[in-house]
Amino acid sequence: MSDVVYVGKAGVDAAADRGWLLGHFKPLGDPRHSDDVEIKWGVHPPGDERGEWVEGEERTALLVLISGRFRVELPGRSVLLSEPGDYVVWGKGVGHSWYAEEASTVLTVRWPSVPGYRIG
């Protein structure tokens, strides 16, 4: 049964794979391998930002604020997540960028897990 169960710490495991805890990029046979969904534990220092606007997104995404103050830029809209549990969802084809106004931890869920995308 141990091959279908994985117990870890998000902060430790995320550091090993640029924040990603689950997705197509984990080895086959690892319980964290999934073609259906990707999950990221993002820890961002104040002032951290996405370097480029994301275009041509093929996935739907959910971003949940765990702690801090985090801004998500979407076409024609800026969303500020300021209280733990605040979240935003955007669909396929919606470009985005982000900026950590304070030290922030966010949980991102994207689906499906699309091979060929950078783990970033």
N, C-alpha and C. Protein backbone atom coordinates (compact mmCIF):
# COMPACT_ATOMS: atom_id res chain seq x y z
N MET A 1 0.82 -1.20 0.00
CA MET A 1 0.00 0.00 0.00
C MET A 1 0.86 1.26 0.00
N SER A 2 2.12 1.17 0.41
CA SER A 2 2.94 2.37 0.51
C SER A 2 3.16 3.04 -0.83
N ASP A 3 3.04 2.32 -1.96
CA ASP A 3 3.27 2.92 -3.26
C ASP A 3 2.09 3.79 -3.73
N VAL A 4 0.97 3.77 -3.04
CA VAL A 4 -0.16 4.61 -3.41
C VAL A 4 -0.43 5.71 -2.38
N VAL A 5 0.47 5.83 -1.41
CA VAL A 5 0.33 6.86 -0.39
C VAL A 5 1.64 7.63 -0.31
N TYR A 6 1.52 8.95 -0.25
CA TYR A 6 2.69 9.80 -0.08
C TYR A 6 2.36 10.79 1.01
N VAL A 7 3.23 10.94 1.98
CA VAL A 7 3.05 11.91 3.05
C VAL A 7 4.24 12.85 2.99
N GLY A 8 3.96 14.15 2.97
CA GLY A 8 5.05 15.10 2.87
C GLY A 8 4.72 16.41 3.55
N LYS A 9 5.61 17.37 3.36
CA LYS A 9 5.42 18.73 3.85
C LYS A 9 5.49 19.64 2.63
N ALA A 10 4.44 20.42 2.41
CA ALA A 10 4.36 21.24 1.21
C ALA A 10 5.57 22.15 1.05
N GLY A 11 6.00 22.81 2.11
CA GLY A 11 7.12 23.72 2.01
C GLY A 11 8.41 23.04 1.62
N VAL A 12 8.64 21.85 2.12
CA VAL A 12 9.86 21.11 1.82
C VAL A 12 9.79 20.51 0.41
N ASP A 13 8.70 19.81 0.12
CA ASP A 13 8.56 19.15 -1.18
C ASP A 13 8.49 20.17 -2.32
N ALA A 14 7.82 21.28 -2.08
CA ALA A 14 7.68 22.30 -3.12
C ALA A 14 9.03 22.89 -3.51
N ALA A 15 9.93 23.03 -2.55
CA ALA A 15 11.25 23.60 -2.83
C ALA A 15 12.04 22.75 -3.81
N ALA A 16 11.73 21.47 -3.88
CA ALA A 16 12.46 20.56 -4.76
C ALA A 16 11.99 20.63 -6.21
N ASP A 17 10.84 21.23 -6.47
CA ASP A 17 10.28 21.21 -7.83
C ASP A 17 9.60 22.53 -8.16
N ARG A 18 10.25 23.65 -7.81
CA ARG A 18 9.75 24.99 -8.11
C ARG A 18 8.31 25.20 -7.63
N GLY A 19 7.95 24.54 -6.55
CA GLY A 19 6.64 24.72 -5.94
C GLY A 19 5.63 23.64 -6.27
N TRP A 20 5.89 22.88 -7.32
CA TRP A 20 4.88 21.91 -7.76
C TRP A 20 4.89 20.66 -6.91
N LEU A 21 3.68 20.29 -6.43
CA LEU A 21 3.51 19.12 -5.58
C LEU A 21 2.92 17.94 -6.34
N LEU A 22 2.17 18.22 -7.41
CA LEU A 22 1.43 17.17 -8.09
C LEU A 22 1.24 17.57 -9.55
N GLY A 23 1.37 16.62 -10.46
CA GLY A 23 1.13 16.89 -11.87
C GLY A 23 1.78 15.85 -12.77
N HIS A 24 1.65 16.06 -14.08
CA HIS A 24 2.18 15.10 -15.06
C HIS A 24 3.70 14.96 -14.98
N PHE A 25 4.37 15.96 -14.42
CA PHE A 25 5.83 16.01 -14.38
C PHE A 25 6.43 15.15 -13.26
N LYS A 26 5.60 14.64 -12.35
CA LYS A 26 6.11 13.72 -11.33
C LYS A 26 6.27 12.34 -11.97
N PRO A 27 7.19 11.52 -11.46
CA PRO A 27 7.45 10.22 -12.10
C PRO A 27 6.23 9.30 -12.10
N LEU A 28 6.08 8.55 -13.18
CA LEU A 28 5.02 7.54 -13.24
C LEU A 28 5.18 6.61 -12.04
N GLY A 29 4.08 6.21 -11.44
CA GLY A 29 4.12 5.35 -10.28
C GLY A 29 4.15 6.10 -8.97
N ASP A 30 4.55 7.38 -9.01
CA ASP A 30 4.52 8.23 -7.82
C ASP A 30 3.07 8.67 -7.60
N PRO A 31 2.52 8.57 -6.39
CA PRO A 31 1.14 8.98 -6.16
C PRO A 31 0.88 10.44 -6.53
N ARG A 32 1.94 11.24 -6.66
CA ARG A 32 1.79 12.65 -7.00
C ARG A 32 1.76 12.88 -8.51
N HIS A 33 1.90 11.82 -9.30
CA HIS A 33 1.78 11.94 -10.76
C HIS A 33 0.31 12.03 -11.12
N SER A 34 -0.04 13.00 -11.96
CA SER A 34 -1.42 13.15 -12.42
C SER A 34 -1.45 13.80 -13.79
N ASP A 35 -2.25 13.24 -14.67
CA ASP A 35 -2.49 13.87 -15.98
C ASP A 35 -3.71 14.77 -15.90
N ASP A 36 -4.42 14.74 -14.77
CA ASP A 36 -5.68 15.48 -14.64
C ASP A 36 -5.53 16.84 -13.99
N VAL A 37 -4.59 16.97 -13.06
CA VAL A 37 -4.51 18.19 -12.26
C VAL A 37 -3.06 18.47 -11.85
N GLU A 38 -2.76 19.76 -11.62
CA GLU A 38 -1.46 20.18 -11.08
C GLU A 38 -1.72 21.01 -9.84
N ILE A 39 -0.89 20.83 -8.82
CA ILE A 39 -1.03 21.60 -7.59
C ILE A 39 0.33 22.18 -7.23
N LYS A 40 0.32 23.48 -6.90
CA LYS A 40 1.55 24.18 -6.56
C LYS A 40 1.40 24.89 -5.22
N TRP A 41 2.43 24.81 -4.39
CA TRP A 41 2.54 25.55 -3.13
C TRP A 41 3.54 26.66 -3.40
N GLY A 42 3.03 27.86 -3.61
CA GLY A 42 3.89 28.98 -3.97
C GLY A 42 4.22 29.87 -2.79
N VAL A 43 5.50 30.03 -2.50
CA VAL A 43 5.97 30.90 -1.43
C VAL A 43 6.70 32.06 -2.10
N HIS A 44 6.19 33.28 -1.90
CA HIS A 44 6.69 34.45 -2.62
C HIS A 44 7.13 35.54 -1.66
N PRO A 45 8.37 36.03 -1.79
CA PRO A 45 8.80 37.17 -0.97
C PRO A 45 8.11 38.44 -1.45
N PRO A 46 8.08 39.48 -0.62
CA PRO A 46 7.45 40.73 -1.06
C PRO A 46 8.12 41.25 -2.33
N GLY A 47 7.29 41.71 -3.25
CA GLY A 47 7.80 42.25 -4.51
C GLY A 47 8.03 41.21 -5.59
N ASP A 48 7.89 39.92 -5.26
CA ASP A 48 8.04 38.87 -6.27
C ASP A 48 6.94 39.03 -7.31
N GLU A 49 7.28 38.85 -8.57
CA GLU A 49 6.26 38.97 -9.62
C GLU A 49 6.57 38.04 -10.77
N ARG A 50 5.53 37.72 -11.52
CA ARG A 50 5.70 36.90 -12.72
C ARG A 50 6.37 37.78 -13.76
N GLY A 51 7.45 37.30 -14.34
CA GLY A 51 8.23 38.10 -15.28
C GLY A 51 7.51 38.43 -16.57
N GLU A 52 6.67 37.54 -17.04
CA GLU A 52 5.97 37.74 -18.31
C GLU A 52 4.50 37.41 -18.16
N TRP A 53 3.69 38.10 -18.94
CA TRP A 53 2.27 37.81 -19.02
C TRP A 53 2.09 36.43 -19.64
N VAL A 54 1.24 35.59 -19.07
CA VAL A 54 0.97 34.26 -19.62
C VAL A 54 -0.07 34.40 -20.73
N GLU A 55 0.24 33.89 -21.90
CA GLU A 55 -0.67 33.90 -23.05
C GLU A 55 -0.97 32.48 -23.48
N GLY A 56 -2.11 32.27 -24.10
CA GLY A 56 -2.43 30.97 -24.68
C GLY A 56 -2.59 29.86 -23.66
N GLU A 57 -3.06 30.20 -22.48
CA GLU A 57 -3.24 29.21 -21.41
C GLU A 57 -4.26 28.15 -21.85
N GLU A 58 -3.91 26.88 -21.65
CA GLU A 58 -4.78 25.77 -22.03
C GLU A 58 -5.48 25.14 -20.83
N ARG A 59 -5.25 25.70 -19.64
CA ARG A 59 -5.81 25.10 -18.43
C ARG A 59 -6.72 26.09 -17.71
N THR A 60 -7.55 25.56 -16.85
CA THR A 60 -8.32 26.36 -15.90
C THR A 60 -7.48 26.40 -14.63
N ALA A 61 -7.54 27.52 -13.90
CA ALA A 61 -6.72 27.66 -12.70
C ALA A 61 -7.54 28.21 -11.53
N LEU A 62 -7.19 27.76 -10.35
CA LEU A 62 -7.72 28.25 -9.08
C LEU A 62 -6.51 28.64 -8.25
N LEU A 63 -6.50 29.87 -7.73
CA LEU A 63 -5.41 30.32 -6.86
C LEU A 63 -6.03 30.77 -5.54
N VAL A 64 -5.57 30.16 -4.43
CA VAL A 64 -6.09 30.43 -3.10
C VAL A 64 -4.99 31.06 -2.25
N LEU A 65 -5.30 32.18 -1.60
CA LEU A 65 -4.35 32.82 -0.70
C LEU A 65 -4.33 32.08 0.64
N ILE A 66 -3.13 31.65 1.04
CA ILE A 66 -2.95 31.01 2.34
C ILE A 66 -2.56 32.10 3.35
N SER A 67 -1.60 32.94 2.96
CA SER A 67 -1.17 34.04 3.82
C SER A 67 -0.58 35.15 2.96
N GLY A 68 -0.57 36.37 3.49
CA GLY A 68 0.04 37.51 2.80
C GLY A 68 -0.97 38.37 2.06
N ARG A 69 -0.49 38.98 0.99
CA ARG A 69 -1.29 39.89 0.16
C ARG A 69 -0.78 39.71 -1.26
N PHE A 70 -1.63 39.21 -2.15
CA PHE A 70 -1.21 38.75 -3.47
C PHE A 70 -2.16 39.29 -4.52
N ARG A 71 -1.60 39.87 -5.57
CA ARG A 71 -2.41 40.46 -6.64
C ARG A 71 -2.29 39.61 -7.91
N VAL A 72 -3.45 39.30 -8.52
CA VAL A 72 -3.49 38.58 -9.79
C VAL A 72 -4.03 39.54 -10.84
N GLU A 73 -3.26 39.70 -11.91
CA GLU A 73 -3.67 40.56 -13.02
C GLU A 73 -4.29 39.69 -14.10
N LEU A 74 -5.49 40.06 -14.50
CA LEU A 74 -6.23 39.36 -15.55
C LEU A 74 -6.62 40.40 -16.60
N PRO A 75 -6.98 40.00 -17.79
CA PRO A 75 -7.34 40.99 -18.81
C PRO A 75 -8.45 41.93 -18.31
N GLY A 76 -8.14 43.20 -18.23
CA GLY A 76 -9.12 44.20 -17.81
C GLY A 76 -9.50 44.17 -16.35
N ARG A 77 -8.76 43.41 -15.53
CA ARG A 77 -9.14 43.29 -14.12
C ARG A 77 -7.93 42.94 -13.25
N SER A 78 -7.84 43.61 -12.11
CA SER A 78 -6.82 43.32 -11.12
C SER A 78 -7.54 42.80 -9.88
N VAL A 79 -7.13 41.62 -9.40
CA VAL A 79 -7.78 40.99 -8.25
C VAL A 79 -6.79 40.95 -7.09
N LEU A 80 -7.16 41.58 -5.97
CA LEU A 80 -6.32 41.57 -4.78
C LEU A 80 -6.84 40.51 -3.81
N LEU A 81 -5.98 39.58 -3.45
CA LEU A 81 -6.29 38.56 -2.44
C LEU A 81 -5.61 39.03 -1.16
N SER A 82 -6.40 39.37 -0.15
CA SER A 82 -5.83 39.99 1.04
C SER A 82 -6.15 39.27 2.35
N GLU A 83 -7.09 38.34 2.32
CA GLU A 83 -7.43 37.58 3.52
C GLU A 83 -7.28 36.10 3.24
N PRO A 84 -6.74 35.33 4.20
CA PRO A 84 -6.60 33.89 3.98
C PRO A 84 -7.92 33.29 3.50
N GLY A 85 -7.83 32.51 2.45
CA GLY A 85 -9.02 31.89 1.88
C GLY A 85 -9.57 32.65 0.68
N ASP A 86 -9.16 33.91 0.46
CA ASP A 86 -9.56 34.61 -0.76
C ASP A 86 -9.04 33.81 -1.95
N TYR A 87 -9.84 33.73 -3.01
CA TYR A 87 -9.38 33.00 -4.19
C TYR A 87 -9.94 33.58 -5.46
N VAL A 88 -9.31 33.19 -6.56
CA VAL A 88 -9.74 33.60 -7.89
C VAL A 88 -9.61 32.39 -8.81
N VAL A 89 -10.55 32.27 -9.75
CA VAL A 89 -10.54 31.20 -10.75
C VAL A 89 -10.58 31.85 -12.12
N TRP A 90 -9.74 31.35 -13.04
CA TRP A 90 -9.84 31.83 -14.42
C TRP A 90 -9.78 30.62 -15.35
N GLY A 91 -10.42 30.77 -16.49
CA GLY A 91 -10.58 29.66 -17.41
C GLY A 91 -9.56 29.61 -18.52
N LYS A 92 -9.71 28.60 -19.36
CA LYS A 92 -8.84 28.40 -20.51
C LYS A 92 -8.83 29.66 -21.37
N GLY A 93 -7.65 29.99 -21.86
CA GLY A 93 -7.52 31.12 -22.76
C GLY A 93 -7.37 32.46 -22.08
N VAL A 94 -7.46 32.51 -20.75
CA VAL A 94 -7.36 33.78 -20.03
C VAL A 94 -5.90 34.01 -19.63
N GLY A 95 -5.32 35.09 -20.13
CA GLY A 95 -3.95 35.44 -19.77
C GLY A 95 -3.90 35.95 -18.34
N HIS A 96 -2.70 35.93 -17.76
CA HIS A 96 -2.58 36.42 -16.39
C HIS A 96 -1.13 36.74 -16.04
N SER A 97 -0.99 37.45 -14.95
CA SER A 97 0.29 37.72 -14.31
C SER A 97 -0.01 37.89 -12.82
N TRP A 98 1.03 38.04 -11.99
CA TRP A 98 0.79 38.19 -10.55
C TRP A 98 1.92 38.97 -9.90
N TYR A 99 1.63 39.45 -8.68
CA TYR A 99 2.58 40.25 -7.91
C TYR A 99 2.31 40.04 -6.42
N ALA A 100 3.35 39.73 -5.65
CA ALA A 100 3.23 39.56 -4.20
C ALA A 100 3.42 40.92 -3.53
N GLU A 101 2.35 41.52 -3.05
CA GLU A 101 2.45 42.82 -2.38
C GLU A 101 3.12 42.69 -1.02
N GLU A 102 2.96 41.53 -0.39
CA GLU A 102 3.62 41.18 0.87
C GLU A 102 4.15 39.76 0.71
N ALA A 103 4.96 39.30 1.64
CA ALA A 103 5.34 37.89 1.65
C ALA A 103 4.05 37.09 1.62
N SER A 104 3.95 36.17 0.67
CA SER A 104 2.69 35.46 0.46
C SER A 104 2.92 33.98 0.21
N THR A 105 1.95 33.20 0.65
CA THR A 105 1.89 31.78 0.30
C THR A 105 0.55 31.56 -0.38
N VAL A 106 0.59 30.93 -1.56
CA VAL A 106 -0.62 30.66 -2.32
C VAL A 106 -0.63 29.20 -2.75
N LEU A 107 -1.82 28.66 -2.88
CA LEU A 107 -2.01 27.31 -3.40
C LEU A 107 -2.67 27.46 -4.77
N THR A 108 -2.02 26.90 -5.79
CA THR A 108 -2.57 26.96 -7.14
C THR A 108 -2.94 25.56 -7.60
N VAL A 109 -4.12 25.44 -8.17
CA VAL A 109 -4.59 24.19 -8.76
C VAL A 109 -4.88 24.48 -10.22
N ARG A 110 -4.29 23.71 -11.13
CA ARG A 110 -4.54 23.88 -12.56
C ARG A 110 -4.98 22.55 -13.15
N TRP A 111 -5.91 22.62 -14.08
CA TRP A 111 -6.35 21.39 -14.74
C TRP A 111 -6.71 21.67 -16.18
N PRO A 112 -6.45 20.69 -17.07
CA PRO A 112 -5.70 19.45 -16.83
C PRO A 112 -4.21 19.71 -16.71
N SER A 113 -3.46 18.68 -16.40
CA SER A 113 -2.00 18.77 -16.36
C SER A 113 -1.50 18.55 -17.79
N VAL A 114 -0.93 19.57 -18.39
CA VAL A 114 -0.60 19.54 -19.81
C VAL A 114 0.91 19.35 -20.01
N PRO A 115 1.32 18.19 -20.53
CA PRO A 115 2.74 17.98 -20.83
C PRO A 115 3.23 19.05 -21.81
N GLY A 116 4.49 19.42 -21.63
CA GLY A 116 5.07 20.43 -22.51
C GLY A 116 5.09 21.81 -21.91
N TYR A 117 4.23 22.06 -20.92
CA TYR A 117 4.27 23.33 -20.23
C TYR A 117 5.44 23.33 -19.27
N ARG A 118 6.05 24.46 -19.12
CA ARG A 118 7.13 24.63 -18.16
C ARG A 118 6.59 24.45 -16.75
N ILE A 119 7.39 23.91 -15.86
CA ILE A 119 6.98 23.76 -14.46
C ILE A 119 7.26 25.07 -13.76
N GLY A 120 6.63 26.15 -14.16
CA GLY A 120 6.93 27.44 -13.57
C GLY A 120 5.73 28.28 -13.35
